[in-house]
Structure formats: structure tokens, C-alpha cells
Protein backbone atom coordinates (compact mmCIF):
# COMPACT_ATOMS: atom_id res chain seq x y z
CA ARG A 1 27.66 -12.00 -24.57
CA ALA A 2 25.44 -9.58 -23.03
CA TYR A 3 26.73 -9.88 -19.44
CA ARG A 4 28.40 -6.73 -17.85
CA GLY A 5 28.94 -7.80 -14.17
CA GLY A 6 31.03 -4.99 -12.33
CA GLY A 7 30.61 -2.96 -15.63
CA TYR A 8 32.85 -4.93 -17.41
CA ASP A 9 31.78 -6.23 -20.94
CA ASP A 10 34.62 -8.51 -21.70
CA TRP A 11 33.16 -11.45 -20.08
CA PHE A 12 33.50 -15.21 -21.66
CA LEU A 13 32.75 -18.84 -21.37
CA PRO A 14 35.93 -20.45 -21.06
CA SER A 15 37.20 -23.17 -22.94
CA LYS A 16 37.41 -26.86 -21.50
CA ASP A 17 41.24 -26.60 -20.81
CA GLU A 18 40.41 -22.98 -19.23
CA LEU A 19 37.51 -24.65 -17.29
CA ALA A 20 39.82 -27.64 -15.98
CA GLN A 21 42.38 -25.00 -14.56
CA ILE A 22 39.39 -23.39 -12.94
CA TYR A 23 38.80 -27.05 -11.41
CA THR A 24 42.52 -27.34 -10.41
CA ASN A 25 42.48 -23.75 -8.73
CA GLU A 26 39.11 -23.65 -7.00
CA ALA A 27 39.73 -23.11 -3.68
CA THR A 28 42.20 -19.92 -4.35
CA ILE A 29 39.81 -18.50 -6.83
CA ASN A 30 37.17 -18.90 -3.89
CA THR A 31 39.44 -17.26 -2.01
CA THR A 32 40.11 -14.47 -4.04
CA ALA A 33 36.48 -14.31 -5.21
CA SER A 34 35.08 -13.86 -1.78
CA ALA A 35 37.87 -11.19 -0.84
CA ASN A 36 36.80 -9.23 -3.85
CA GLY A 37 32.74 -9.35 -3.23
CA GLY A 38 32.52 -12.20 -5.87
CA SER A 39 31.27 -15.47 -5.40
CA ASN A 40 32.39 -18.99 -4.61
CA PHE A 41 31.82 -21.98 -6.42
CA ASP A 42 28.47 -23.47 -5.30
CA ASN A 43 29.16 -26.98 -3.99
CA LYS A 44 25.99 -28.03 -4.60
CA VAL A 45 26.43 -27.37 -8.81
CA LEU A 46 28.48 -30.10 -10.72
CA PHE A 47 28.30 -29.44 -14.13
CA TYR A 48 29.69 -26.08 -15.60
CA TRP A 49 29.43 -25.58 -19.56
CA SER A 50 32.62 -24.58 -21.60
CA SER A 51 32.60 -22.86 -24.82
CA THR A 52 34.25 -25.66 -26.18
CA GLU A 53 31.92 -27.46 -28.86
CA ILE A 54 32.28 -31.23 -29.92
CA ASN A 55 29.99 -31.02 -32.74
CA ASN A 56 26.63 -29.51 -33.60
CA PHE A 57 24.71 -31.36 -30.63
CA PHE A 58 27.30 -31.40 -28.02
CA ALA A 59 29.53 -29.46 -25.67
CA TRP A 60 32.28 -29.91 -23.00
CA ASP A 61 31.22 -29.53 -19.90
CA LEU A 62 33.19 -30.03 -16.45
CA ASP A 63 31.96 -31.84 -13.11
CA PHE A 64 33.07 -29.95 -10.18
CA PHE A 65 32.81 -32.89 -7.81
CA ASN A 66 35.57 -35.00 -9.45
CA GLY A 67 36.90 -33.12 -12.56
CA ASP A 68 35.90 -34.98 -15.00
CA GLN A 69 35.01 -33.92 -18.55
CA TYR A 70 32.24 -34.80 -20.44
CA GLY A 71 30.16 -34.20 -23.54
CA GLY A 72 26.81 -32.59 -23.18
CA ASN A 73 23.83 -32.30 -25.22
CA LYS A 74 23.34 -28.35 -25.86
CA ASN A 75 19.56 -29.05 -25.01
CA GLY A 76 20.50 -29.67 -21.62
CA THR A 77 20.90 -27.76 -18.53
CA ALA A 78 24.36 -26.85 -16.78
CA ASN A 79 25.85 -23.98 -15.02
CA VAL A 80 27.92 -21.56 -16.64
CA ARG A 81 30.75 -19.13 -14.80
CA ALA A 82 31.39 -16.34 -17.27
CA VAL A 83 35.65 -15.49 -17.02
CA ARG A 84 37.87 -12.31 -17.89
CA ALA A 85 41.08 -12.55 -19.33
CA PHE A 86 43.60 -10.92 -17.49
């Protein structure tokens, strides 16, 4: 919530459906991010958290190796990719 990248304060964690769209469009996003001083998705990073909770203990994450979504334990670790609405 406190992220202020690029001077913006309206960043948020994408839902599981939004994260799936990001995965589908990863190549285009990487090209656009690189052209505008942003960073590509790291090919060594597999799991990214979504903001979509399953229950008090699990939330959806997405495997960027194959696009599968899993219920990850909230006590576990995964990466995040903040997004902004446009």
C-alpha cells in the first residue's frame, strides 16, 4: 500500500484474473516496460501473488513458468508485481 513507484500512489496487487491476463501478455508487457524504463518479468521468478484470497489461510498465486494458478499459503513466499489502472 505504501509503494510510490514513479511518484504514483495508486498501485495495487492484481486479482487472480488480472494476473492471468498479465501472464498471457507477458512479452508485450516486457517490451513496453523496457521501452519506458521499467523492468521485465524475471524468468527465474516463478510465482507471483494475486490479491484474490481463497480463505483466511490461502490466496491465489500464478506460476509464470506455465500459467497455472495455485492456492498458496499466506505464510509462504512469492513475488509481487504491483500494477496501476489505466
